[in-house]
Full PDB file with SEQRES, HELIX, SHEET, SSBOND, CRYST1, ORIGX, SCALE, CONECT and MASTER records, all heavy atoms in Angstrom:
SEQRES   1 A   40  ASN ILE GLU PRO HIS GLU GLU GLU LEU ALA LYS LYS LEU          
SEQRES   2 A   40  ILE ASP ASP GLN PHE VAL SER MET THR GLY GLN PRO PHE          
SEQRES   3 A   40  ASP MET LYS PRO ALA GLY TYR LEU VAL ALA VAL LYS ILE          
SEQRES   4 A   40  TYR                                                          
HELIX    1 AA1 PRO A    4  GLU A    6  5                                   3    
HELIX    2 AA2 GLU A    7  THR A   22  1                                  16    
CRYST1    1.000    1.000    1.000  90.00  90.00  90.00 P 1           1          
ORIGX1      1.000000  0.000000  0.000000        0.00000                         
ORIGX2      0.000000  1.000000  0.000000        0.00000                         
ORIGX3      0.000000  0.000000  1.000000        0.00000                         
SCALE1      1.000000  0.000000  0.000000        0.00000                         
SCALE2      0.000000  1.000000  0.000000        0.00000                         
SCALE3      0.000000  0.000000  1.000000        0.00000                         
ATOM      1  N   ASN A   1      25.781   3.435   2.499  1.00  0.00           N  
ATOM      2  CA  ASN A   1      25.192   3.806   3.838  1.00  0.00           C  
ATOM      3  C   ASN A   1      23.979   2.957   4.140  1.00  0.00           C  
ATOM      4  O   ASN A   1      23.467   2.892   5.231  1.00  0.00           O  
ATOM      5  CB  ASN A   1      24.725   5.288   3.848  1.00  0.00           C  
ATOM      6  CG  ASN A   1      25.899   6.240   3.932  1.00  0.00           C  
ATOM      7  OD1 ASN A   1      26.939   5.820   4.470  1.00  0.00           O  
ATOM      8  ND2 ASN A   1      25.822   7.382   3.444  1.00  0.00           N  
ATOM      9  N   ILE A   2      23.469   2.250   3.148  1.00  0.00           N  
ATOM     10  CA  ILE A   2      22.223   1.376   3.285  1.00  0.00           C  
ATOM     11  C   ILE A   2      22.631  -0.008   3.637  1.00  0.00           C  
ATOM     12  O   ILE A   2      23.443  -0.595   2.920  1.00  0.00           O  
ATOM     13  CB  ILE A   2      21.401   1.405   1.934  1.00  0.00           C  
ATOM     14  CG1 ILE A   2      20.982   2.836   1.596  1.00  0.00           C  
ATOM     15  CG2 ILE A   2      20.251   0.475   2.048  1.00  0.00           C  
ATOM     16  CD1 ILE A   2      20.041   3.483   2.619  1.00  0.00           C  
ATOM     17  N   GLU A   3      22.115  -0.514   4.697  1.00  0.00           N  
ATOM     18  CA  GLU A   3      22.436  -1.845   5.113  1.00  0.00           C  
ATOM     19  C   GLU A   3      21.527  -2.795   4.261  1.00  0.00           C  
ATOM     20  O   GLU A   3      20.462  -2.330   3.794  1.00  0.00           O  
ATOM     21  CB  GLU A   3      22.048  -2.066   6.658  1.00  0.00           C  
ATOM     22  CG  GLU A   3      22.982  -1.320   7.519  1.00  0.00           C  
ATOM     23  CD  GLU A   3      24.432  -1.661   7.522  1.00  0.00           C  
ATOM     24  OE1 GLU A   3      24.688  -2.888   7.323  1.00  0.00           O  
ATOM     25  OE2 GLU A   3      25.316  -0.894   7.671  1.00  0.00           O  
ATOM     26  N   PRO A   4      21.917  -4.049   4.076  1.00  0.00           N  
ATOM     27  CA  PRO A   4      21.108  -4.958   3.230  1.00  0.00           C  
ATOM     28  C   PRO A   4      19.679  -5.022   3.651  1.00  0.00           C  
ATOM     29  O   PRO A   4      18.768  -5.081   2.855  1.00  0.00           O  
ATOM     30  CB  PRO A   4      21.855  -6.278   3.362  1.00  0.00           C  
ATOM     31  CG  PRO A   4      23.259  -5.952   3.715  1.00  0.00           C  
ATOM     32  CD  PRO A   4      23.154  -4.667   4.553  1.00  0.00           C  
ATOM     33  N   HIS A   5      19.415  -5.056   4.950  1.00  0.00           N  
ATOM     34  CA  HIS A   5      18.005  -5.121   5.473  1.00  0.00           C  
ATOM     35  C   HIS A   5      17.208  -3.854   5.311  1.00  0.00           C  
ATOM     36  O   HIS A   5      16.009  -3.844   5.373  1.00  0.00           O  
ATOM     37  CB  HIS A   5      17.946  -5.611   6.911  1.00  0.00           C  
ATOM     38  CG  HIS A   5      18.567  -4.526   7.893  1.00  0.00           C  
ATOM     39  ND1 HIS A   5      19.872  -4.459   8.060  1.00  0.00           N  
ATOM     40  CD2 HIS A   5      17.942  -3.564   8.564  1.00  0.00           C  
ATOM     41  CE1 HIS A   5      20.084  -3.395   8.933  1.00  0.00           C  
ATOM     42  NE2 HIS A   5      18.943  -2.900   9.238  1.00  0.00           N  
ATOM     43  N   GLU A   6      17.873  -2.738   4.925  1.00  0.00           N  
ATOM     44  CA  GLU A   6      17.191  -1.460   4.674  1.00  0.00           C  
ATOM     45  C   GLU A   6      16.805  -1.164   3.215  1.00  0.00           C  
ATOM     46  O   GLU A   6      16.066  -0.305   2.886  1.00  0.00           O  
ATOM     47  CB  GLU A   6      18.038  -0.306   5.140  1.00  0.00           C  
ATOM     48  CG  GLU A   6      18.365  -0.369   6.623  1.00  0.00           C  
ATOM     49  CD  GLU A   6      19.379   0.677   7.132  1.00  0.00           C  
ATOM     50  OE1 GLU A   6      20.404   0.819   6.371  1.00  0.00           O  
ATOM     51  OE2 GLU A   6      19.155   1.297   8.126  1.00  0.00           O  
ATOM     52  N   GLU A   7      17.363  -1.983   2.308  1.00  0.00           N  
ATOM     53  CA  GLU A   7      17.182  -1.764   0.885  1.00  0.00           C  
ATOM     54  C   GLU A   7      15.737  -1.856   0.442  1.00  0.00           C  
ATOM     55  O   GLU A   7      15.259  -1.056  -0.326  1.00  0.00           O  
ATOM     56  CB  GLU A   7      18.037  -2.693   0.061  1.00  0.00           C  
ATOM     57  CG  GLU A   7      18.261  -2.220  -1.300  1.00  0.00           C  
ATOM     58  CD  GLU A   7      19.399  -2.862  -2.058  1.00  0.00           C  
ATOM     59  OE1 GLU A   7      20.056  -3.773  -1.472  1.00  0.00           O  
ATOM     60  OE2 GLU A   7      19.642  -2.453  -3.248  1.00  0.00           O  
ATOM     61  N   GLU A   8      14.943  -2.829   0.983  1.00  0.00           N  
ATOM     62  CA  GLU A   8      13.593  -2.970   0.592  1.00  0.00           C  
ATOM     63  C   GLU A   8      12.758  -1.776   1.066  1.00  0.00           C  
ATOM     64  O   GLU A   8      11.967  -1.288   0.341  1.00  0.00           O  
ATOM     65  CB  GLU A   8      12.975  -4.283   1.132  1.00  0.00           C  
ATOM     66  CG  GLU A   8      13.392  -5.514   0.328  1.00  0.00           C  
ATOM     67  CD  GLU A   8      13.104  -5.394  -1.121  1.00  0.00           C  
ATOM     68  OE1 GLU A   8      12.002  -5.009  -1.561  1.00  0.00           O  
ATOM     69  OE2 GLU A   8      14.048  -5.689  -1.939  1.00  0.00           O  
ATOM     70  N   LEU A   9      13.056  -1.258   2.272  1.00  0.00           N  
ATOM     71  CA  LEU A   9      12.337  -0.137   2.770  1.00  0.00           C  
ATOM     72  C   LEU A   9      12.715   1.132   1.895  1.00  0.00           C  
ATOM     73  O   LEU A   9      11.793   1.903   1.569  1.00  0.00           O  
ATOM     74  CB  LEU A   9      12.753   0.166   4.211  1.00  0.00           C  
ATOM     75  CG  LEU A   9      12.135   1.470   4.813  1.00  0.00           C  
ATOM     76  CD1 LEU A   9      10.652   1.411   4.733  1.00  0.00           C  
ATOM     77  CD2 LEU A   9      12.633   1.779   6.259  1.00  0.00           C  
ATOM     78  N   ALA A  10      13.952   1.227   1.451  1.00  0.00           N  
ATOM     79  CA  ALA A  10      14.393   2.306   0.587  1.00  0.00           C  
ATOM     80  C   ALA A  10      13.608   2.265  -0.704  1.00  0.00           C  
ATOM     81  O   ALA A  10      13.114   3.321  -1.261  1.00  0.00           O  
ATOM     82  CB  ALA A  10      15.848   2.342   0.333  1.00  0.00           C  
ATOM     83  N   LYS A  11      13.458   1.093  -1.317  1.00  0.00           N  
ATOM     84  CA  LYS A  11      12.659   0.991  -2.505  1.00  0.00           C  
ATOM     85  C   LYS A  11      11.222   1.355  -2.334  1.00  0.00           C  
ATOM     86  O   LYS A  11      10.628   2.020  -3.220  1.00  0.00           O  
ATOM     87  CB  LYS A  11      12.694  -0.576  -3.007  1.00  0.00           C  
ATOM     88  CG  LYS A  11      14.131  -0.939  -3.569  1.00  0.00           C  
ATOM     89  CD  LYS A  11      14.177  -2.422  -3.942  1.00  0.00           C  
ATOM     90  CE  LYS A  11      15.554  -2.786  -4.397  1.00  0.00           C  
ATOM     91  NZ  LYS A  11      15.644  -4.225  -4.727  1.00  0.00           N  
ATOM     92  N   LYS A  12      10.685   1.006  -1.250  1.00  0.00           N  
ATOM     93  CA  LYS A  12       9.258   1.344  -0.921  1.00  0.00           C  
ATOM     94  C   LYS A  12       9.095   2.876  -0.820  1.00  0.00           C  
ATOM     95  O   LYS A  12       8.135   3.472  -1.322  1.00  0.00           O  
ATOM     96  CB  LYS A  12       8.749   0.688   0.309  1.00  0.00           C  
ATOM     97  CG  LYS A  12       7.280   1.059   0.541  1.00  0.00           C  
ATOM     98  CD  LYS A  12       6.711   0.448   1.806  1.00  0.00           C  
ATOM     99  CE  LYS A  12       5.299   0.801   2.128  1.00  0.00           C  
ATOM    100  NZ  LYS A  12       4.763   1.977   1.535  1.00  0.00           N  
ATOM    101  N   LEU A  13      10.005   3.508  -0.144  1.00  0.00           N  
ATOM    102  CA  LEU A  13       9.974   4.946   0.064  1.00  0.00           C  
ATOM    103  C   LEU A  13      10.145   5.669  -1.299  1.00  0.00           C  
ATOM    104  O   LEU A  13       9.542   6.688  -1.573  1.00  0.00           O  
ATOM    105  CB  LEU A  13      11.051   5.411   1.067  1.00  0.00           C  
ATOM    106  CG  LEU A  13      10.831   5.004   2.482  1.00  0.00           C  
ATOM    107  CD1 LEU A  13      12.061   5.369   3.370  1.00  0.00           C  
ATOM    108  CD2 LEU A  13       9.606   5.616   3.011  1.00  0.00           C  
ATOM    109  N   ILE A  14      11.028   5.151  -2.185  1.00  0.00           N  
ATOM    110  CA  ILE A  14      11.220   5.748  -3.525  1.00  0.00           C  
ATOM    111  C   ILE A  14       9.932   5.582  -4.297  1.00  0.00           C  
ATOM    112  O   ILE A  14       9.440   6.537  -4.886  1.00  0.00           O  
ATOM    113  CB  ILE A  14      12.443   5.066  -4.203  1.00  0.00           C  
ATOM    114  CG1 ILE A  14      13.648   5.600  -3.521  1.00  0.00           C  
ATOM    115  CG2 ILE A  14      12.433   5.516  -5.691  1.00  0.00           C  
ATOM    116  CD1 ILE A  14      14.945   4.837  -3.936  1.00  0.00           C  
ATOM    117  N   ASP A  15       9.258   4.419  -4.232  1.00  0.00           N  
ATOM    118  CA  ASP A  15       8.091   4.162  -4.937  1.00  0.00           C  
ATOM    119  C   ASP A  15       6.947   5.192  -4.448  1.00  0.00           C  
ATOM    120  O   ASP A  15       6.263   5.810  -5.186  1.00  0.00           O  
ATOM    121  CB  ASP A  15       7.501   2.783  -4.748  1.00  0.00           C  
ATOM    122  CG  ASP A  15       8.023   1.805  -5.792  1.00  0.00           C  
ATOM    123  OD1 ASP A  15       8.677   2.230  -6.753  1.00  0.00           O  
ATOM    124  OD2 ASP A  15       7.782   0.602  -5.623  1.00  0.00           O  
ATOM    125  N   ASP A  16       6.899   5.278  -3.084  1.00  0.00           N  
ATOM    126  CA  ASP A  16       5.887   6.227  -2.548  1.00  0.00           C  
ATOM    127  C   ASP A  16       6.165   7.676  -2.970  1.00  0.00           C  
ATOM    128  O   ASP A  16       5.153   8.381  -3.278  1.00  0.00           O  
ATOM    129  CB  ASP A  16       6.004   6.218  -0.949  1.00  0.00           C  
ATOM    130  CG  ASP A  16       5.455   4.888  -0.418  1.00  0.00           C  
ATOM    131  OD1 ASP A  16       4.816   4.106  -1.161  1.00  0.00           O  
ATOM    132  OD2 ASP A  16       5.651   4.731   0.833  1.00  0.00           O  
ATOM    133  N   GLN A  17       7.394   8.097  -3.071  1.00  0.00           N  
ATOM    134  CA  GLN A  17       7.702   9.425  -3.533  1.00  0.00           C  
ATOM    135  C   GLN A  17       7.319   9.610  -5.013  1.00  0.00           C  
ATOM    136  O   GLN A  17       6.756  10.620  -5.363  1.00  0.00           O  
ATOM    137  CB  GLN A  17       9.151   9.750  -3.317  1.00  0.00           C  
ATOM    138  CG  GLN A  17       9.536  11.158  -3.702  1.00  0.00           C  
ATOM    139  CD  GLN A  17      11.022  11.514  -3.514  1.00  0.00           C  
ATOM    140  OE1 GLN A  17      11.870  10.707  -3.878  1.00  0.00           O  
ATOM    141  NE2 GLN A  17      11.307  12.644  -2.918  1.00  0.00           N  
ATOM    142  N   PHE A  18       7.652   8.584  -5.811  1.00  0.00           N  
ATOM    143  CA  PHE A  18       7.233   8.724  -7.226  1.00  0.00           C  
ATOM    144  C   PHE A  18       5.714   8.694  -7.394  1.00  0.00           C  
ATOM    145  O   PHE A  18       5.245   9.416  -8.278  1.00  0.00           O  
ATOM    146  CB  PHE A  18       7.915   7.558  -8.049  1.00  0.00           C  
ATOM    147  CG  PHE A  18       9.227   7.962  -8.670  1.00  0.00           C  
ATOM    148  CD1 PHE A  18      10.372   8.004  -7.924  1.00  0.00           C  
ATOM    149  CD2 PHE A  18       9.346   8.356  -9.984  1.00  0.00           C  
ATOM    150  CE1 PHE A  18      11.544   8.389  -8.471  1.00  0.00           C  
ATOM    151  CE2 PHE A  18      10.458   8.767 -10.544  1.00  0.00           C  
ATOM    152  CZ  PHE A  18      11.619   8.777  -9.753  1.00  0.00           C  
ATOM    153  N   VAL A  19       5.003   7.951  -6.625  1.00  0.00           N  
ATOM    154  CA  VAL A  19       3.577   7.985  -6.723  1.00  0.00           C  
ATOM    155  C   VAL A  19       3.040   9.390  -6.362  1.00  0.00           C  
ATOM    156  O   VAL A  19       2.166   9.898  -7.050  1.00  0.00           O  
ATOM    157  CB  VAL A  19       2.922   6.918  -5.793  1.00  0.00           C  
ATOM    158  CG1 VAL A  19       1.437   7.099  -5.622  1.00  0.00           C  
ATOM    159  CG2 VAL A  19       3.263   5.492  -6.294  1.00  0.00           C  
ATOM    160  N   SER A  20       3.637   9.978  -5.332  1.00  0.00           N  
ATOM    161  CA  SER A  20       3.163  11.304  -4.961  1.00  0.00           C  
ATOM    162  C   SER A  20       3.495  12.383  -6.023  1.00  0.00           C  
ATOM    163  O   SER A  20       2.770  13.363  -6.239  1.00  0.00           O  
ATOM    164  CB  SER A  20       3.632  11.731  -3.602  1.00  0.00           C  
ATOM    165  OG  SER A  20       5.028  12.014  -3.614  1.00  0.00           O  
ATOM    166  N   MET A  21       4.595  12.264  -6.721  1.00  0.00           N  
ATOM    167  CA  MET A  21       5.035  13.136  -7.739  1.00  0.00           C  
ATOM    168  C   MET A  21       4.460  12.901  -9.091  1.00  0.00           C  
ATOM    169  O   MET A  21       4.158  13.852  -9.828  1.00  0.00           O  
ATOM    170  CB  MET A  21       6.570  13.127  -7.854  1.00  0.00           C  
ATOM    171  CG  MET A  21       7.261  13.652  -6.612  1.00  0.00           C  
ATOM    172  SD  MET A  21       9.097  13.644  -6.637  1.00  0.00           S  
ATOM    173  CE  MET A  21       9.668  12.760  -8.034  1.00  0.00           C  
ATOM    174  N   THR A  22       4.249  11.612  -9.464  1.00  0.00           N  
ATOM    175  CA  THR A  22       3.788  11.313 -10.832  1.00  0.00           C  
ATOM    176  C   THR A  22       2.493  10.485 -10.957  1.00  0.00           C  
ATOM    177  O   THR A  22       2.012  10.329 -11.990  1.00  0.00           O  
ATOM    178  CB  THR A  22       4.896  10.481 -11.482  1.00  0.00           C  
ATOM    179  OG1 THR A  22       4.989   9.190 -10.945  1.00  0.00           O  
ATOM    180  CG2 THR A  22       6.260  11.140 -11.458  1.00  0.00           C  
ATOM    181  N   GLY A  23       2.089   9.984  -9.802  1.00  0.00           N  
ATOM    182  CA  GLY A  23       0.878   9.137  -9.816  1.00  0.00           C  
ATOM    183  C   GLY A  23       1.167   7.675 -10.137  1.00  0.00           C  
ATOM    184  O   GLY A  23       0.225   6.856 -10.074  1.00  0.00           O  
ATOM    185  N   GLN A  24       2.491   7.350 -10.300  1.00  0.00           N  
ATOM    186  CA  GLN A  24       2.884   6.028 -10.659  1.00  0.00           C  
ATOM    187  C   GLN A  24       4.092   5.647  -9.828  1.00  0.00           C  
ATOM    188  O   GLN A  24       4.937   6.520  -9.591  1.00  0.00           O  
ATOM    189  CB  GLN A  24       3.159   5.920 -12.121  1.00  0.00           C  
ATOM    190  CG  GLN A  24       2.016   6.202 -13.047  1.00  0.00           C  
ATOM    191  CD  GLN A  24       2.418   6.127 -14.530  1.00  0.00           C  
ATOM    192  OE1 GLN A  24       2.991   5.154 -14.937  1.00  0.00           O  
ATOM    193  NE2 GLN A  24       2.062   7.185 -15.188  1.00  0.00           N  
ATOM    194  N   PRO A  25       4.309   4.362  -9.521  1.00  0.00           N  
ATOM    195  CA  PRO A  25       5.507   3.932  -8.840  1.00  0.00           C  
ATOM    196  C   PRO A  25       6.770   4.013  -9.720  1.00  0.00           C  
ATOM    197  O   PRO A  25       6.585   4.032 -10.966  1.00  0.00           O  
ATOM    198  CB  PRO A  25       5.268   2.487  -8.388  1.00  0.00           C  
ATOM    199  CG  PRO A  25       4.179   2.006  -9.327  1.00  0.00           C  
ATOM    200  CD  PRO A  25       3.400   3.209  -9.731  1.00  0.00           C  
ATOM    201  N   PHE A  26       7.910   4.010  -9.154  1.00  0.00           N  
ATOM    202  CA  PHE A  26       9.084   3.966  -9.900  1.00  0.00           C  
ATOM    203  C   PHE A  26       9.341   2.539 -10.407  1.00  0.00           C  
ATOM    204  O   PHE A  26       9.527   1.611  -9.775  1.00  0.00           O  
ATOM    205  CB  PHE A  26      10.331   4.389  -9.051  1.00  0.00           C  
ATOM    206  CG  PHE A  26      11.631   4.409  -9.818  1.00  0.00           C  
ATOM    207  CD1 PHE A  26      11.890   5.477 -10.614  1.00  0.00           C  
ATOM    208  CD2 PHE A  26      12.560   3.401  -9.758  1.00  0.00           C  
ATOM    209  CE1 PHE A  26      13.069   5.574 -11.394  1.00  0.00           C  
ATOM    210  CE2 PHE A  26      13.709   3.463 -10.492  1.00  0.00           C  
ATOM    211  CZ  PHE A  26      14.044   4.491 -11.243  1.00  0.00           C  
ATOM    212  N   ASP A  27       9.407   2.437 -11.782  1.00  0.00           N  
ATOM    213  CA  ASP A  27       9.515   1.137 -12.313  1.00  0.00           C  
ATOM    214  C   ASP A  27      10.578   1.047 -13.424  1.00  0.00           C  
ATOM    215  O   ASP A  27      10.653   0.123 -14.205  1.00  0.00           O  
ATOM    216  CB  ASP A  27       8.150   0.625 -12.911  1.00  0.00           C  
ATOM    217  CG  ASP A  27       7.529   1.531 -13.980  1.00  0.00           C  
ATOM    218  OD1 ASP A  27       8.196   2.489 -14.341  1.00  0.00           O  
ATOM    219  OD2 ASP A  27       6.428   1.247 -14.446  1.00  0.00           O  
ATOM    220  N   MET A  28      11.431   2.072 -13.455  1.00  0.00           N  
ATOM    221  CA  MET A  28      12.620   2.006 -14.392  1.00  0.00           C  
ATOM    222  C   MET A  28      13.599   0.906 -13.927  1.00  0.00           C  
ATOM    223  O   MET A  28      13.959   0.804 -12.791  1.00  0.00           O  
ATOM    224  CB  MET A  28      13.359   3.388 -14.421  1.00  0.00           C  
ATOM    225  CG  MET A  28      14.518   3.372 -15.367  1.00  0.00           C  
ATOM    226  SD  MET A  28      15.521   4.852 -15.246  1.00  0.00           S  
ATOM    227  CE  MET A  28      14.458   6.022 -15.972  1.00  0.00           C  
ATOM    228  N   LYS A  29      14.015   0.110 -14.975  1.00  0.00           N  
ATOM    229  CA  LYS A  29      14.987  -0.934 -14.700  1.00  0.00           C  
ATOM    230  C   LYS A  29      16.184  -0.675 -15.543  1.00  0.00           C  
ATOM    231  O   LYS A  29      16.125  -0.984 -16.765  1.00  0.00           O  
ATOM    232  CB  LYS A  29      14.311  -2.296 -15.016  1.00  0.00           C  
ATOM    233  CG  LYS A  29      13.209  -2.681 -14.060  1.00  0.00           C  
ATOM    234  CD  LYS A  29      12.547  -3.959 -14.378  1.00  0.00           C  
ATOM    235  CE  LYS A  29      11.441  -4.470 -13.497  1.00  0.00           C  
ATOM    236  NZ  LYS A  29      10.646  -3.411 -12.885  1.00  0.00           N  
ATOM    237  N   PRO A  30      17.260  -0.186 -15.039  1.00  0.00           N  
ATOM    238  CA  PRO A  30      18.461   0.092 -15.772  1.00  0.00           C  
ATOM    239  C   PRO A  30      18.975  -1.229 -16.379  1.00  0.00           C  
ATOM    240  O   PRO A  30      18.931  -2.292 -15.753  1.00  0.00           O  
ATOM    241  CB  PRO A  30      19.404   0.678 -14.824  1.00  0.00           C  
ATOM    242  CG  PRO A  30      18.669   0.981 -13.575  1.00  0.00           C  
ATOM    243  CD  PRO A  30      17.447   0.131 -13.616  1.00  0.00           C  
ATOM    244  N   ALA A  31      19.479  -1.108 -17.602  1.00  0.00           N  
ATOM    245  CA  ALA A  31      20.111  -2.295 -18.269  1.00  0.00           C  
ATOM    246  C   ALA A  31      21.539  -2.455 -17.820  1.00  0.00           C  
ATOM    247  O   ALA A  31      22.187  -1.493 -17.449  1.00  0.00           O  
ATOM    248  CB  ALA A  31      20.006  -2.126 -19.773  1.00  0.00           C  
ATOM    249  N   GLY A  32      22.053  -3.664 -17.883  1.00  0.00           N  
ATOM    250  CA  GLY A  32      23.436  -3.970 -17.654  1.00  0.00           C  
ATOM    251  C   GLY A  32      24.005  -3.420 -16.469  1.00  0.00           C  
ATOM    252  O   GLY A  32      23.527  -3.655 -15.334  1.00  0.00           O  
ATOM    253  N   TYR A  33      25.043  -2.632 -16.572  1.00  0.00           N  
ATOM    254  CA  TYR A  33      25.841  -2.091 -15.448  1.00  0.00           C  
ATOM    255  C   TYR A  33      25.387  -0.698 -15.085  1.00  0.00           C  
ATOM    256  O   TYR A  33      26.118   0.035 -14.338  1.00  0.00           O  
ATOM    257  CB  TYR A  33      27.301  -2.229 -15.723  1.00  0.00           C  
ATOM    258  CG  TYR A  33      27.718  -1.458 -17.007  1.00  0.00           C  
ATOM    259  CD1 TYR A  33      28.033  -0.110 -16.930  1.00  0.00           C  
ATOM    260  CD2 TYR A  33      27.748  -2.040 -18.225  1.00  0.00           C  
ATOM    261  CE1 TYR A  33      28.451   0.661 -18.036  1.00  0.00           C  
ATOM    262  CE2 TYR A  33      28.109  -1.287 -19.346  1.00  0.00           C  
ATOM    263  CZ  TYR A  33      28.418   0.024 -19.248  1.00  0.00           C  
ATOM    264  OH  TYR A  33      28.782   0.748 -20.376  1.00  0.00           O  
ATOM    265  N   LEU A  34      24.305  -0.180 -15.583  1.00  0.00           N  
ATOM    266  CA  LEU A  34      23.884   1.141 -15.328  1.00  0.00           C  
ATOM    267  C   LEU A  34      23.143   1.360 -13.993  1.00  0.00           C  
ATOM    268  O   LEU A  34      22.563   0.432 -13.475  1.00  0.00           O  
ATOM    269  CB  LEU A  34      23.019   1.676 -16.439  1.00  0.00           C  
ATOM    270  CG  LEU A  34      23.583   1.754 -17.794  1.00  0.00           C  
ATOM    271  CD1 LEU A  34      22.634   2.138 -18.888  1.00  0.00           C  
ATOM    272  CD2 LEU A  34      24.791   2.702 -17.810  1.00  0.00           C  
ATOM    273  N   VAL A  35      23.366   2.544 -13.476  1.00  0.00           N  
ATOM    274  CA  VAL A  35      22.681   2.934 -12.189  1.00  0.00           C  
ATOM    275  C   VAL A  35      21.726   4.057 -12.513  1.00  0.00           C  
ATOM    276  O   VAL A  35      22.153   5.096 -13.170  1.00  0.00           O  
ATOM    277  CB  VAL A  35      23.736   3.351 -11.152  1.00  0.00           C  
ATOM    278  CG1 VAL A  35      23.103   3.855  -9.866  1.00  0.00           C  
ATOM    279  CG2 VAL A  35      24.729   2.245 -10.875  1.00  0.00           C  
ATOM    280  N   ALA A  36      20.480   4.013 -12.069  1.00  0.00           N  
ATOM    281  CA  ALA A  36      19.539   5.032 -12.270  1.00  0.00           C  
ATOM    282  C   ALA A  36      19.447   5.891 -10.985  1.00  0.00           C  
ATOM    283  O   ALA A  36      19.202   5.318  -9.921  1.00  0.00           O  
ATOM    284  CB  ALA A  36      18.085   4.472 -12.517  1.00  0.00           C  
ATOM    285  N   VAL A  37      19.629   7.169 -11.145  1.00  0.00           N  
ATOM    286  CA  VAL A  37      19.664   8.163  -9.982  1.00  0.00           C  
ATOM    287  C   VAL A  37      18.636   9.283 -10.281  1.00  0.00           C  
ATOM    288  O   VAL A  37      18.465   9.713 -11.339  1.00  0.00           O  
ATOM    289  CB  VAL A  37      20.991   8.735  -9.642  1.00  0.00           C  
ATOM    290  CG1 VAL A  37      21.991   7.567  -9.257  1.00  0.00           C  
ATOM    291  CG2 VAL A  37      21.613   9.495 -10.770  1.00  0.00           C  
ATOM    292  N   LYS A  38      18.028   9.744  -9.115  1.00  0.00           N  
ATOM    293  CA  LYS A  38      17.155  10.882  -9.196  1.00  0.00           C  
ATOM    294  C   LYS A  38      17.909  12.090  -8.767  1.00  0.00           C  
ATOM    295  O   LYS A  38      18.601  12.118  -7.720  1.00  0.00           O  
ATOM    296  CB  LYS A  38      15.957  10.725  -8.242  1.00  0.00           C  
ATOM    297  CG  LYS A  38      15.033  11.897  -8.127  1.00  0.00           C  
ATOM    298  CD  LYS A  38      13.975  11.623  -7.047  1.00  0.00           C  
ATOM    299  CE  LYS A  38      13.123  12.856  -6.796  1.00  0.00           C  
ATOM    300  NZ  LYS A  38      13.884  13.896  -6.097  1.00  0.00           N  
ATOM    301  N   ILE A  39      18.040  13.027  -9.642  1.00  0.00           N  
ATOM    302  CA  ILE A  39      18.889  14.274  -9.437  1.00  0.00           C  
ATOM    303  C   ILE A  39      18.254  15.107  -8.310  1.00  0.00           C  
ATOM    304  O   ILE A  39      17.045  15.291  -8.212  1.00  0.00           O  
ATOM    305  CB  ILE A  39      18.961  15.116 -10.679  1.00  0.00           C  
ATOM    306  CG1 ILE A  39      19.542  14.317 -11.852  1.00  0.00           C  
ATOM    307  CG2 ILE A  39      19.759  16.398 -10.473  1.00  0.00           C  
ATOM    308  CD1 ILE A  39      20.869  13.751 -11.651  1.00  0.00           C  
ATOM    309  N   TYR A  40      19.127  15.529  -7.359  1.00  0.00           N  
ATOM    310  CA  TYR A  40      18.651  16.315  -6.261  1.00  0.00           C  
ATOM    311  C   TYR A  40      18.287  17.797  -6.733  1.00  0.00           C  
ATOM    312  O   TYR A  40      19.193  18.399  -7.376  1.00  0.00           O  
ATOM    313  CB  TYR A  40      19.688  16.392  -5.133  1.00  0.00           C  
ATOM    314  CG  TYR A  40      19.339  17.326  -4.024  1.00  0.00           C  
ATOM    315  CD1 TYR A  40      18.253  16.977  -3.188  1.00  0.00           C  
ATOM    316  CD2 TYR A  40      20.008  18.530  -3.826  1.00  0.00           C  
ATOM    317  CE1 TYR A  40      17.874  17.858  -2.126  1.00  0.00           C  
ATOM    318  CE2 TYR A  40      19.755  19.372  -2.764  1.00  0.00           C  
ATOM    319  CZ  TYR A  40      18.593  19.036  -1.930  1.00  0.00           C  
ATOM    320  OH  TYR A  40      18.248  19.906  -0.910  1.00  0.00           O  
TER     321      TYR A  40                                                      
MASTER        0    0    0    2    0    0    0    6  320    1    0    4          
END                                                                             
């Protein structure tokens, strides 16, 4: 559902949410073919 030009904004919003929840930006980098997801 995310257009290529929206991906950077999505990353920033995720970072902002992690900063508000944890005090730190989201910096997990999945290895290989893995996808990191935040459980709803």
